Amino acid sequence: MAESFSTLRVNSDRMLDTFIQLALIGATGDGGVSRATFSERVKFTNPGR
């Protein structure tokens, strides 16, 4: 855990693939994304939803 952030490496191909896969979840026909998230807090603060 003592690794420095200056030695942090990012696999750009893997990161791009992850973003593309995430964009497919809730994709809309016009190129947007709709991913409604409902947590216990949302249910409590917005009981009508």
PDB file of N, CA and C in Angstrom:
ATOM      1  N   MET A   1       0.810  -1.198   0.000  1.00  0.00           N
ATOM      2  CA  MET A   1       0.000   0.000   0.000  1.00  0.00           C
ATOM      3  C   MET A   1       0.855   1.264   0.000  1.00  0.00           C
ATOM      4  N   ALA A   2       2.132   1.109   0.121  1.00  0.00           N
ATOM      5  CA  ALA A   2       3.022   2.268   0.155  1.00  0.00           C
ATOM      6  C   ALA A   2       3.410   2.714  -1.255  1.00  0.00           C
ATOM      7  N   GLU A   3       2.777   2.153  -2.270  1.00  0.00           N
ATOM      8  CA  GLU A   3       3.104   2.498  -3.645  1.00  0.00           C
ATOM      9  C   GLU A   3       2.766   3.959  -3.924  1.00  0.00           C
ATOM     10  N   SER A   4       3.648   4.645  -4.582  1.00  0.00           N
ATOM     11  CA  SER A   4       3.470   6.049  -4.903  1.00  0.00           C
ATOM     12  C   SER A   4       2.571   6.205  -6.122  1.00  0.00           C
ATOM     13  N   PHE A   5       1.792   7.282  -6.156  1.00  0.00           N
ATOM     14  CA  PHE A   5       0.948   7.541  -7.312  1.00  0.00           C
ATOM     15  C   PHE A   5       1.771   7.867  -8.553  1.00  0.00           C
ATOM     16  N   SER A   6       3.018   8.244  -8.385  1.00  0.00           N
ATOM     17  CA  SER A   6       3.863   8.537  -9.540  1.00  0.00           C
ATOM     18  C   SER A   6       4.213   7.261 -10.305  1.00  0.00           C
ATOM     19  N   THR A   7       3.994   6.093  -9.696  1.00  0.00           N
ATOM     20  CA  THR A   7       4.259   4.835 -10.377  1.00  0.00           C
ATOM     21  C   THR A   7       2.969   4.138 -10.797  1.00  0.00           C
ATOM     22  N   LEU A   8       1.853   4.804 -10.631  1.00  0.00           N
ATOM     23  CA  LEU A   8       0.563   4.235 -10.990  1.00  0.00           C
ATOM     24  C   LEU A   8       0.479   4.080 -12.505  1.00  0.00           C
ATOM     25  N   ARG A   9       0.030   2.913 -12.949  1.00  0.00           N
ATOM     26  CA  ARG A   9      -0.112   2.659 -14.377  1.00  0.00           C
ATOM     27  C   ARG A   9      -1.572   2.420 -14.710  1.00  0.00           C
ATOM     28  N   VAL A  10      -1.979   2.891 -15.863  1.00  0.00           N
ATOM     29  CA  VAL A  10      -3.346   2.707 -16.337  1.00  0.00           C
ATOM     30  C   VAL A  10      -3.294   1.990 -17.679  1.00  0.00           C
ATOM     31  N   ASN A  11      -4.059   0.916 -17.779  1.00  0.00           N
ATOM     32  CA  ASN A  11      -4.184   0.195 -19.042  1.00  0.00           C
ATOM     33  C   ASN A  11      -5.279   0.906 -19.831  1.00  0.00           C
ATOM     34  N   SER A  12      -4.889   1.744 -20.774  1.00  0.00           N
ATOM     35  CA  SER A  12      -5.853   2.584 -21.490  1.00  0.00           C
ATOM     36  C   SER A  12      -6.857   1.773 -22.299  1.00  0.00           C
ATOM     37  N   ASP A  13      -6.439   0.659 -22.873  1.00  0.00           N
ATOM     38  CA  ASP A  13      -7.375  -0.182 -23.631  1.00  0.00           C
ATOM     39  C   ASP A  13      -8.440  -0.765 -22.709  1.00  0.00           C
ATOM     40  N   ARG A  14      -8.011  -1.230 -21.541  1.00  0.00           N
ATOM     41  CA  ARG A  14      -8.959  -1.799 -20.574  1.00  0.00           C
ATOM     42  C   ARG A  14      -9.903  -0.721 -20.044  1.00  0.00           C
ATOM     43  N   MET A  15      -9.372   0.478 -19.782  1.00  0.00           N
ATOM     44  CA  MET A  15     -10.198   1.568 -19.281  1.00  0.00           C
ATOM     45  C   MET A  15     -11.247   1.971 -20.317  1.00  0.00           C
ATOM     46  N   LEU A  16     -10.847   2.098 -21.573  1.00  0.00           N
ATOM     47  CA  LEU A  16     -11.783   2.454 -22.634  1.00  0.00           C
ATOM     48  C   LEU A  16     -12.860   1.391 -22.778  1.00  0.00           C
ATOM     49  N   ASP A  17     -12.465   0.120 -22.736  1.00  0.00           N
ATOM     50  CA  ASP A  17     -13.436  -0.970 -22.838  1.00  0.00           C
ATOM     51  C   ASP A  17     -14.435  -0.912 -21.686  1.00  0.00           C
ATOM     52  N   THR A  18     -13.946  -0.595 -20.488  1.00  0.00           N
ATOM     53  CA  THR A  18     -14.831  -0.483 -19.317  1.00  0.00           C
ATOM     54  C   THR A  18     -15.840   0.638 -19.510  1.00  0.00           C
ATOM     55  N   PHE A  19     -15.395   1.785 -20.008  1.00  0.00           N
ATOM     56  CA  PHE A  19     -16.309   2.909 -20.243  1.00  0.00           C
ATOM     57  C   PHE A  19     -17.343   2.561 -21.313  1.00  0.00           C
ATOM     58  N   ILE A  20     -16.913   1.885 -22.363  1.00  0.00           N
ATOM     59  CA  ILE A  20     -17.841   1.496 -23.427  1.00  0.00           C
ATOM     60  C   ILE A  20     -18.888   0.527 -22.888  1.00  0.00           C
ATOM     61  N   GLN A  21     -18.456  -0.462 -22.116  1.00  0.00           N
ATOM     62  CA  GLN A  21     -19.392  -1.420 -21.533  1.00  0.00           C
ATOM     63  C   GLN A  21     -20.371  -0.718 -20.596  1.00  0.00           C
ATOM     64  N   LEU A  22     -19.886   0.230 -19.807  1.00  0.00           N
ATOM     65  CA  LEU A  22     -20.751   0.977 -18.894  1.00  0.00           C
ATOM     66  C   LEU A  22     -21.762   1.817 -19.659  1.00  0.00           C
ATOM     67  N   ALA A  23     -21.346   2.384 -20.787  1.00  0.00           N
ATOM     68  CA  ALA A  23     -22.250   3.208 -21.590  1.00  0.00           C
ATOM     69  C   ALA A  23     -23.398   2.398 -22.177  1.00  0.00           C
ATOM     70  N   LEU A  24     -23.202   1.101 -22.356  1.00  0.00           N
ATOM     71  CA  LEU A  24     -24.255   0.244 -22.915  1.00  0.00           C
ATOM     72  C   LEU A  24     -25.394   0.011 -21.926  1.00  0.00           C
ATOM     73  N   ILE A  25     -25.098   0.158 -20.630  1.00  0.00           N
ATOM     74  CA  ILE A  25     -26.117  -0.050 -19.602  1.00  0.00           C
ATOM     75  C   ILE A  25     -27.014   1.184 -19.570  1.00  0.00           C
ATOM     76  N   GLY A  26     -28.244   1.040 -19.940  1.00  0.00           N
ATOM     77  CA  GLY A  26     -29.179   2.150 -19.932  1.00  0.00           C
ATOM     78  C   GLY A  26     -29.070   3.070 -21.136  1.00  0.00           C
ATOM     79  N   ALA A  27     -28.426   2.597 -22.188  1.00  0.00           N
ATOM     80  CA  ALA A  27     -28.268   3.429 -23.390  1.00  0.00           C
ATOM     81  C   ALA A  27     -29.629   3.791 -23.971  1.00  0.00           C
ATOM     82  N   THR A  28     -29.737   5.020 -24.458  1.00  0.00           N
ATOM     83  CA  THR A  28     -30.971   5.487 -25.083  1.00  0.00           C
ATOM     84  C   THR A  28     -30.774   5.546 -26.593  1.00  0.00           C
ATOM     85  N   GLY A  29     -31.851   5.625 -27.331  1.00  0.00           N
ATOM     86  CA  GLY A  29     -31.782   5.634 -28.780  1.00  0.00           C
ATOM     87  C   GLY A  29     -31.101   6.848 -29.380  1.00  0.00           C
ATOM     88  N   ASP A  30     -31.050   7.954 -28.635  1.00  0.00           N
ATOM     89  CA  ASP A  30     -30.455   9.180 -29.173  1.00  0.00           C
ATOM     90  C   ASP A  30     -28.995   9.375 -28.754  1.00  0.00           C
ATOM     91  N   GLY A  31     -28.384   8.302 -28.254  1.00  0.00           N
ATOM     92  CA  GLY A  31     -26.971   8.384 -27.885  1.00  0.00           C
ATOM     93  C   GLY A  31     -26.714   8.746 -26.438  1.00  0.00           C
ATOM     94  N   GLY A  32     -27.761   8.950 -25.668  1.00  0.00           N
ATOM     95  CA  GLY A  32     -27.600   9.276 -24.257  1.00  0.00           C
ATOM     96  C   GLY A  32     -27.619   8.033 -23.391  1.00  0.00           C
ATOM     97  N   VAL A  33     -27.593   8.261 -22.088  1.00  0.00           N
ATOM     98  CA  VAL A  33     -27.617   7.170 -21.128  1.00  0.00           C
ATOM     99  C   VAL A  33     -28.579   7.536 -20.012  1.00  0.00           C
ATOM    100  N   SER A  34     -29.395   6.577 -19.611  1.00  0.00           N
ATOM    101  CA  SER A  34     -30.326   6.779 -18.502  1.00  0.00           C
ATOM    102  C   SER A  34     -30.176   5.622 -17.533  1.00  0.00           C
ATOM    103  N   ARG A  35     -29.571   5.893 -16.381  1.00  0.00           N
ATOM    104  CA  ARG A  35     -29.387   4.852 -15.374  1.00  0.00           C
ATOM    105  C   ARG A  35     -29.911   5.376 -14.045  1.00  0.00           C
ATOM    106  N   ALA A  36     -31.181   5.162 -13.816  1.00  0.00           N
ATOM    107  CA  ALA A  36     -31.765   5.593 -12.540  1.00  0.00           C
ATOM    108  C   ALA A  36     -31.217   4.722 -11.414  1.00  0.00           C
ATOM    109  N   THR A  37     -30.863   5.356 -10.315  1.00  0.00           N
ATOM    110  CA  THR A  37     -30.338   4.646  -9.160  1.00  0.00           C
ATOM    111  C   THR A  37     -31.277   4.858  -7.993  1.00  0.00           C
ATOM    112  N   PHE A  38     -31.689   3.792  -7.377  1.00  0.00           N
ATOM    113  CA  PHE A  38     -32.596   3.887  -6.254  1.00  0.00           C
ATOM    114  C   PHE A  38     -31.952   3.259  -5.030  1.00  0.00           C
ATOM    115  N   SER A  39     -31.589   4.090  -4.097  1.00  0.00           N
ATOM    116  CA  SER A  39     -31.021   3.604  -2.846  1.00  0.00           C
ATOM    117  C   SER A  39     -32.067   3.757  -1.747  1.00  0.00           C
ATOM    118  N   GLU A  40     -31.769   3.257  -0.576  1.00  0.00           N
ATOM    119  CA  GLU A  40     -32.687   3.406   0.545  1.00  0.00           C
ATOM    120  C   GLU A  40     -32.906   4.886   0.856  1.00  0.00           C
ATOM    121  N   ARG A  41     -31.875   5.706   0.703  1.00  0.00           N
ATOM    122  CA  ARG A  41     -32.008   7.139   0.978  1.00  0.00           C
ATOM    123  C   ARG A  41     -32.988   7.786   0.005  1.00  0.00           C
ATOM    124  N   VAL A  42     -32.893   7.430  -1.272  1.00  0.00           N
ATOM    125  CA  VAL A  42     -33.808   7.982  -2.268  1.00  0.00           C
ATOM    126  C   VAL A  42     -35.236   7.564  -1.942  1.00  0.00           C
ATOM    127  N   LYS A  43     -35.430   6.299  -1.583  1.00  0.00           N
ATOM    128  CA  LYS A  43     -36.758   5.822  -1.243  1.00  0.00           C
ATOM    129  C   LYS A  43     -37.306   6.561  -0.033  1.00  0.00           C
ATOM    130  N   PHE A  44     -36.432   6.866   0.916  1.00  0.00           N
ATOM    131  CA  PHE A  44     -36.871   7.555   2.130  1.00  0.00           C
ATOM    132  C   PHE A  44     -37.187   9.017   1.854  1.00  0.00           C
ATOM    133  N   THR A  45     -36.341   9.703   1.070  1.00  0.00           N
ATOM    134  CA  THR A  45     -36.528  11.122   0.836  1.00  0.00           C
ATOM    135  C   THR A  45     -37.531  11.409  -0.269  1.00  0.00           C
ATOM    136  N   ASN A  46     -37.795  10.428  -1.132  1.00  0.00           N
ATOM    137  CA  ASN A  46     -38.756  10.584  -2.219  1.00  0.00           C
ATOM    138  C   ASN A  46     -39.734   9.412  -2.180  1.00  0.00           C
ATOM    139  N   PRO A  47     -40.588   9.339  -1.172  1.00  0.00           N
ATOM    140  CA  PRO A  47     -41.430   8.148  -1.016  1.00  0.00           C
ATOM    141  C   PRO A  47     -42.390   7.929  -2.181  1.00  0.00           C
ATOM    142  N   GLY A  48     -42.697   8.954  -2.972  1.00  0.00           N
ATOM    143  CA  GLY A  48     -43.626   8.792  -4.086  1.00  0.00           C
ATOM    144  C   GLY A  48     -43.009   8.193  -5.316  1.00  0.00           C
ATOM    145  N   ARG A  49     -41.724   7.952  -5.295  1.00  0.00           N
ATOM    146  CA  ARG A  49     -41.029   7.424  -6.481  1.00  0.00           C
ATOM    147  C   ARG A  49     -40.667   5.995  -6.321  1.00  0.00           C
TER     148      ARG A  49
END
